[in-house]
Each structure stands twice: as C-alpha cells, then as structure tokens.
Amino acid sequence: MKTTQLSGNWEEQKSKLKQKFAALTDGDFLFIKGKKEEMIARLQKKLGKTREELLKIIQAL
C-alpha cells in the first residue's frame, strides 16, 4: 500500500475508525478531492499518532 493511498471501502474504514477512536467526528474525515493529505494530517493531530502509525491502523481495518 502506498503511504498516501487509502484502500478498500473508505466508508467502512471511517466507521471502524470512529468506533475505535471516540474523539473522531464526521468532520474529521471530510476532504476535498486532491486534499487527502490535509485530512490525514488532521487525523494525525487529533489522535496524536505519526503518519506511519495512522496509515498502519487504517490498513489493519
């Protein structure tokens, strides 16, 4: 998996992330096409995770 690629069913992954991390809201997952990096940075900041940790969590879902 490329570090900037989110694979699989993103709606399902978002749901699982929200279950795992109660602090996340729908607004945290909003991004404009081509601005995925901004969303990832926002999630990193909110969860206190590195980029690699966050992508590993998403990939494991």
C-alpha atoms as a PDB file:
ATOM      1  CA  MET A   1       0.000   0.000   0.000  1.00  0.00           C
ATOM      2  CA  LYS A   2       1.332   3.414  -0.903  1.00  0.00           C
ATOM      3  CA  THR A   3       1.591   5.701   2.091  1.00  0.00           C
ATOM      4  CA  THR A   4      -0.918   8.132   0.576  1.00  0.00           C
ATOM      5  CA  GLN A   5      -3.356   5.509  -0.708  1.00  0.00           C
ATOM      6  CA  LEU A   6      -6.399   4.522   1.308  1.00  0.00           C
ATOM      7  CA  SER A   7      -7.649   1.220   0.034  1.00  0.00           C
ATOM      8  CA  GLY A   8     -10.834  -0.752   0.388  1.00  0.00           C
ATOM      9  CA  ASN A   9     -14.221   0.600   1.321  1.00  0.00           C
ATOM     10  CA  TRP A  10     -13.467   4.025   2.817  1.00  0.00           C
ATOM     11  CA  GLU A  11     -16.959   4.382   4.325  1.00  0.00           C
ATOM     12  CA  GLU A  12     -16.458   1.123   6.222  1.00  0.00           C
ATOM     13  CA  GLN A  13     -12.967   2.153   7.323  1.00  0.00           C
ATOM     14  CA  LYS A  14     -14.261   5.522   8.571  1.00  0.00           C
ATOM     15  CA  SER A  15     -16.924   3.766  10.611  1.00  0.00           C
ATOM     16  CA  LYS A  16     -14.385   1.429  12.182  1.00  0.00           C
ATOM     17  CA  LEU A  17     -12.027   4.324  12.977  1.00  0.00           C
ATOM     18  CA  LYS A  18     -14.863   6.231  14.662  1.00  0.00           C
ATOM     19  CA  GLN A  19     -15.663   3.133  16.745  1.00  0.00           C
ATOM     20  CA  LYS A  20     -12.016   2.696  17.720  1.00  0.00           C
ATOM     21  CA  PHE A  21     -11.397   6.389  18.448  1.00  0.00           C
ATOM     22  CA  ALA A  22     -14.475   8.009  20.001  1.00  0.00           C
ATOM     23  CA  ALA A  23     -12.950  11.508  19.655  1.00  0.00           C
ATOM     24  CA  LEU A  24     -13.282  11.402  15.840  1.00  0.00           C
ATOM     25  CA  THR A  25     -16.244  13.048  14.144  1.00  0.00           C
ATOM     26  CA  ASP A  26     -17.581  13.040  10.587  1.00  0.00           C
ATOM     27  CA  GLY A  27     -15.957  16.452  10.126  1.00  0.00           C
ATOM     28  CA  ASP A  28     -12.528  14.945  10.743  1.00  0.00           C
ATOM     29  CA  PHE A  29     -12.965  12.757   7.667  1.00  0.00           C
ATOM     30  CA  LEU A  30     -14.029  15.489   5.253  1.00  0.00           C
ATOM     31  CA  PHE A  31     -11.643  16.256   2.458  1.00  0.00           C
ATOM     32  CA  ILE A  32     -11.772  17.854  -0.935  1.00  0.00           C
ATOM     33  CA  LYS A  33     -10.621  15.716  -3.826  1.00  0.00           C
ATOM     34  CA  GLY A  34      -6.863  16.069  -4.044  1.00  0.00           C
ATOM     35  CA  LYS A  35      -6.588  17.208  -0.406  1.00  0.00           C
ATOM     36  CA  LYS A  36      -6.318  13.775   1.224  1.00  0.00           C
ATOM     37  CA  GLU A  37      -3.007  14.759   2.825  1.00  0.00           C
ATOM     38  CA  GLU A  38      -4.753  17.527   4.777  1.00  0.00           C
ATOM     39  CA  MET A  39      -7.290  15.033   6.149  1.00  0.00           C
ATOM     40  CA  ILE A  40      -4.515  12.631   7.153  1.00  0.00           C
ATOM     41  CA  ALA A  41      -2.654  15.462   8.898  1.00  0.00           C
ATOM     42  CA  ARG A  42      -5.864  16.446  10.735  1.00  0.00           C
ATOM     43  CA  LEU A  43      -6.389  12.853  11.920  1.00  0.00           C
ATOM     44  CA  GLN A  44      -2.737  12.602  12.991  1.00  0.00           C
ATOM     45  CA  LYS A  45      -3.025  15.732  15.095  1.00  0.00           C
ATOM     46  CA  LYS A  46      -6.331  14.726  16.698  1.00  0.00           C
ATOM     47  CA  LEU A  47      -5.157  11.190  17.550  1.00  0.00           C
ATOM     48  CA  GLY A  48      -1.572  12.088  18.441  1.00  0.00           C
ATOM     49  CA  LYS A  49      -0.227   9.463  16.023  1.00  0.00           C
ATOM     50  CA  THR A  50       2.555   9.613  13.467  1.00  0.00           C
ATOM     51  CA  ARG A  51       1.645   9.344   9.803  1.00  0.00           C
ATOM     52  CA  GLU A  52       3.020   5.816   9.654  1.00  0.00           C
ATOM     53  CA  GLU A  53       1.081   4.739  12.768  1.00  0.00           C
ATOM     54  CA  LEU A  54      -2.150   6.176  11.375  1.00  0.00           C
ATOM     55  CA  LEU A  55      -1.745   4.531   7.973  1.00  0.00           C
ATOM     56  CA  LYS A  56      -0.920   1.220   9.647  1.00  0.00           C
ATOM     57  CA  ILE A  57      -4.122   1.470  11.735  1.00  0.00           C
ATOM     58  CA  ILE A  58      -6.190   2.228   8.628  1.00  0.00           C
ATOM     59  CA  GLN A  59      -4.581  -0.600   6.675  1.00  0.00           C
ATOM     60  CA  ALA A  60      -5.327  -3.064   9.503  1.00  0.00           C
ATOM     61  CA  LEU A  61      -9.074  -2.323   9.422  1.00  0.00           C
END
